[in-house]
Amino acid sequence: MADGVSDTETAILDAALAEVLDHGIRRTTASDIARRCGIARQTLYRYWPDAEAVFAALVTRELVAALPVAGSDSADLHELVGLLVETADRVRALPLVDRLRDTDPELFARYILDRLGTSQRAIHAETARRLAAGQRAGYVREGDPVQQAAMVLLIAQSAVQSAPIVAEWLPADAWRAELSAALLGYLSPAAAAGGGRA
């Protein structure tokens, strides 16, 4: 058991992931998850009230797992942006994200885009912390790191969401390079010093 999550909870979420990848969210029920997990449906209900709550917990787990491991702060802006782009790329490549986007776009919007959930709050808080550290070190432009982190989240989330529809112009390597350029331009003190004029 890690981080306060029981083995049973982990097994339920693993089963839910397998069911969703095989059948999509719309065709996955609490009974399907319990059956794959080898438990009674009532056991599942001890942890979550319904399948939708399981799905929300699953999305949170998968997205938070894509966050970088807590460690030392970045040495410079390029390292920080590299970390942000790597994180966005990991989210983009998650099998769950692909499955939701391809087969359940409305539910993808609900779980990933339309609500400010646990995963977005965790990503935002960690990004704000890293931006504040970058400001103290002088390689991130001045400003409210909470607001800056919100914009970084919007930029990265949009890039992840829409990556497949622009793949003709932005294959994976170009997608990473252009997202990196966008974030460097947004966060650089030099860009801020030269901006702000019509």
Protein backbone atom coordinates (compact mmCIF):
# COMPACT_ATOMS: atom_id res chain seq x y z
CA MET A 1 0.00 0.00 0.00
CA ALA A 2 1.38 3.42 -1.01
CA ASP A 3 0.31 6.97 -0.24
CA GLY A 4 -2.70 5.82 1.75
CA VAL A 5 -4.20 3.83 -1.14
CA SER A 6 -5.16 0.27 -0.27
CA ASP A 7 -4.30 -2.75 -2.38
CA THR A 8 -8.00 -3.22 -3.06
CA GLU A 9 -8.41 0.35 -4.31
CA THR A 10 -5.39 -0.09 -6.57
CA ALA A 11 -6.78 -3.37 -7.91
CA ILE A 12 -10.17 -1.78 -8.59
CA LEU A 13 -8.60 1.11 -10.48
CA ASP A 14 -6.36 -1.28 -12.42
CA ALA A 15 -9.44 -3.30 -13.36
CA ALA A 16 -11.30 -0.13 -14.34
CA LEU A 17 -8.41 0.93 -16.56
CA ALA A 18 -8.36 -2.45 -18.29
CA GLU A 19 -12.14 -2.35 -18.84
CA VAL A 20 -12.09 1.19 -20.20
CA LEU A 21 -9.20 0.42 -22.55
CA ASP A 22 -11.05 -2.66 -23.81
CA HIS A 23 -14.59 -1.30 -24.01
CA GLY A 24 -14.65 2.46 -23.39
CA ILE A 25 -16.27 4.23 -20.47
CA ARG A 26 -19.84 4.11 -21.80
CA ARG A 27 -19.80 0.33 -21.98
CA THR A 28 -18.09 -0.23 -18.63
CA THR A 29 -20.22 -0.76 -15.52
CA ALA A 30 -19.43 -1.21 -11.85
CA SER A 31 -20.28 -4.89 -12.30
CA ASP A 32 -17.74 -5.20 -15.14
CA ILE A 33 -15.03 -3.61 -13.00
CA ALA A 34 -15.83 -5.80 -9.99
CA ARG A 35 -15.90 -8.95 -12.12
CA ARG A 36 -12.52 -8.19 -13.69
CA CYS A 37 -11.12 -7.37 -10.25
CA GLY A 38 -12.48 -10.62 -8.78
CA ILE A 39 -14.49 -8.91 -6.07
CA ALA A 40 -18.18 -8.49 -5.27
CA ARG A 41 -19.81 -5.32 -6.56
CA GLN A 42 -20.66 -4.40 -2.96
CA THR A 43 -16.94 -4.42 -2.15
CA LEU A 44 -16.37 -1.84 -4.89
CA TYR A 45 -19.14 0.30 -3.39
CA ARG A 46 -17.25 0.44 -0.09
CA TYR A 47 -14.66 2.57 -1.87
CA TRP A 48 -16.70 4.48 -4.49
CA PRO A 49 -20.46 5.08 -4.75
CA ASP A 50 -20.72 4.27 -8.46
CA ALA A 51 -18.76 3.64 -11.66
CA GLU A 52 -18.55 7.35 -12.46
CA ALA A 53 -16.71 7.98 -9.19
CA VAL A 54 -14.32 5.15 -10.07
CA PHE A 55 -13.67 6.73 -13.47
CA ALA A 56 -12.97 10.12 -11.91
CA ALA A 57 -10.50 8.53 -9.47
CA LEU A 58 -8.89 6.62 -12.34
CA VAL A 59 -8.38 9.74 -14.45
CA THR A 60 -6.91 11.52 -11.43
CA ARG A 61 -4.54 8.64 -10.71
CA GLU A 62 -3.31 8.41 -14.30
CA LEU A 63 -2.79 12.15 -14.73
CA VAL A 64 -1.09 12.68 -11.36
CA ALA A 65 1.22 9.74 -12.13
CA ALA A 66 2.45 11.68 -15.16
CA LEU A 67 3.75 14.48 -12.94
CA PRO A 68 7.50 14.63 -12.42
CA VAL A 69 8.82 13.12 -9.23
CA ALA A 70 9.38 15.80 -6.63
CA GLY A 71 13.00 16.74 -6.55
CA SER A 72 15.35 19.65 -6.90
CA ASP A 73 14.19 22.71 -8.79
CA SER A 74 15.30 23.31 -12.36
CA ALA A 75 18.66 24.98 -12.95
CA ASP A 76 17.40 27.27 -15.72
CA LEU A 77 14.40 28.05 -17.90
CA HIS A 78 15.29 25.51 -20.56
CA GLU A 79 15.40 22.74 -17.98
CA LEU A 80 12.08 23.85 -16.49
CA VAL A 81 10.37 24.05 -19.89
CA GLY A 82 11.84 20.67 -20.80
CA LEU A 83 10.22 19.23 -17.69
CA LEU A 84 6.87 20.84 -18.50
CA VAL A 85 6.94 19.57 -22.09
CA GLU A 86 8.00 16.09 -20.99
CA THR A 87 5.08 16.01 -18.55
CA ALA A 88 2.61 17.16 -21.23
CA ASP A 89 4.01 14.54 -23.60
CA ARG A 90 3.53 11.80 -21.00
CA VAL A 91 -0.10 12.87 -20.56
CA ARG A 92 -0.57 12.97 -24.34
CA ALA A 93 0.74 9.41 -24.59
CA LEU A 94 -1.40 7.95 -21.79
CA PRO A 95 -3.48 5.06 -23.16
CA LEU A 96 -6.44 6.26 -21.10
CA VAL A 97 -6.29 9.74 -22.66
CA ASP A 98 -6.15 8.24 -26.16
CA ARG A 99 -9.06 5.95 -25.45
CA LEU A 100 -11.26 8.68 -23.98
CA ARG A 101 -10.46 11.11 -26.77
CA ASP A 102 -11.09 8.57 -29.53
CA THR A 103 -14.17 6.75 -28.27
CA ASP A 104 -15.79 8.96 -25.63
CA PRO A 105 -15.10 12.60 -26.57
CA GLU A 106 -17.93 14.00 -24.45
CA LEU A 107 -16.71 12.10 -21.42
CA PHE A 108 -13.14 13.10 -22.25
CA ALA A 109 -14.31 16.70 -22.05
CA ARG A 110 -16.07 16.07 -18.75
CA TYR A 111 -13.19 14.31 -17.01
CA ILE A 112 -10.28 16.22 -18.52
CA LEU A 113 -11.50 19.62 -19.68
CA ASP A 114 -14.82 20.77 -18.26
CA ARG A 115 -14.16 20.54 -14.55
CA LEU A 116 -11.29 21.64 -12.38
CA GLY A 117 -10.60 18.33 -10.73
CA THR A 118 -8.04 16.89 -8.37
CA SER A 119 -5.54 16.17 -11.13
CA GLN A 120 -5.63 19.70 -12.57
CA ARG A 121 -5.29 21.19 -9.09
CA ALA A 122 -2.27 18.99 -8.37
CA ILE A 123 -0.64 19.85 -11.70
CA HIS A 124 -1.36 23.55 -11.20
CA ALA A 125 0.04 23.60 -7.65
CA GLU A 126 3.26 21.86 -8.68
CA THR A 127 3.68 24.13 -11.70
CA ALA A 128 3.12 27.25 -9.60
CA ARG A 129 5.69 26.04 -7.08
CA ARG A 130 8.27 25.47 -9.82
CA LEU A 131 7.56 28.84 -11.46
CA ALA A 132 7.95 30.62 -8.11
CA ALA A 133 11.32 28.89 -7.65
CA GLY A 134 12.30 30.01 -11.15
CA GLN A 135 11.35 33.58 -10.31
CA ARG A 136 13.51 33.50 -7.19
CA ALA A 137 16.40 32.21 -9.30
CA GLY A 138 15.76 34.92 -11.91
CA TYR A 139 15.01 32.78 -14.97
CA VAL A 140 11.21 33.09 -14.96
CA ARG A 141 9.65 36.50 -15.62
CA GLU A 142 8.00 38.40 -12.80
CA GLY A 143 4.31 37.97 -12.15
CA ASP A 144 1.89 35.98 -10.07
CA PRO A 145 3.10 32.36 -10.31
CA VAL A 146 -0.41 31.10 -9.59
CA GLN A 147 -1.76 32.96 -12.61
CA GLN A 148 1.21 31.99 -14.76
CA ALA A 149 0.76 28.35 -13.80
CA ALA A 150 -2.91 28.57 -14.81
CA MET A 151 -1.91 29.82 -18.27
CA VAL A 152 0.80 27.15 -18.59
CA LEU A 153 -1.87 24.57 -17.72
CA LEU A 154 -4.21 26.00 -20.38
CA ILE A 155 -1.48 26.01 -23.03
CA ALA A 156 -0.33 22.48 -22.25
CA GLN A 157 -3.85 21.10 -21.85
CA SER A 158 -4.91 22.58 -25.19
CA ALA A 159 -1.81 21.17 -26.86
CA VAL A 160 -2.53 17.71 -25.43
CA GLN A 161 -6.22 17.84 -26.30
CA SER A 162 -5.75 18.92 -29.90
CA ALA A 163 -2.52 17.11 -30.78
CA PRO A 164 -4.19 14.44 -32.97
CA ILE A 165 -6.05 16.91 -35.18
CA VAL A 166 -2.83 18.78 -36.06
CA ALA A 167 -0.58 15.71 -36.35
CA GLU A 168 -0.40 16.29 -40.12
CA TRP A 169 1.52 19.51 -39.41
CA LEU A 170 2.93 18.70 -35.98
CA PRO A 171 4.24 15.16 -35.67
CA ALA A 172 5.47 14.21 -32.21
CA ASP A 173 8.94 15.76 -32.40
CA ALA A 174 7.64 19.01 -33.88
CA TRP A 175 4.81 19.10 -31.33
CA ARG A 176 7.33 18.95 -28.50
CA ALA A 177 9.58 21.56 -30.13
CA GLU A 178 6.75 24.03 -30.76
CA LEU A 179 5.23 23.59 -27.30
CA SER A 180 8.69 24.21 -25.87
CA ALA A 181 9.04 27.39 -27.93
CA ALA A 182 5.62 28.61 -26.80
CA LEU A 183 6.41 28.08 -23.12
CA LEU A 184 9.89 29.58 -23.41
CA GLY A 185 8.42 32.68 -25.00
CA TYR A 186 5.73 32.96 -22.35
CA LEU A 187 7.99 32.49 -19.33
CA SER A 188 11.21 34.18 -20.39
CA PRO A 189 12.21 37.38 -18.55
CA ALA A 190 13.75 38.66 -21.79
CA ALA A 191 10.47 38.31 -23.67
CA ALA A 192 8.63 40.13 -20.89
CA ALA A 193 11.17 42.96 -20.92
CA GLY A 194 10.71 43.46 -24.66
CA GLY A 195 6.94 43.05 -24.63
CA GLY A 196 3.97 45.03 -23.51
CA ARG A 197 4.14 47.61 -26.34
CA ALA A 198 1.67 47.83 -29.22
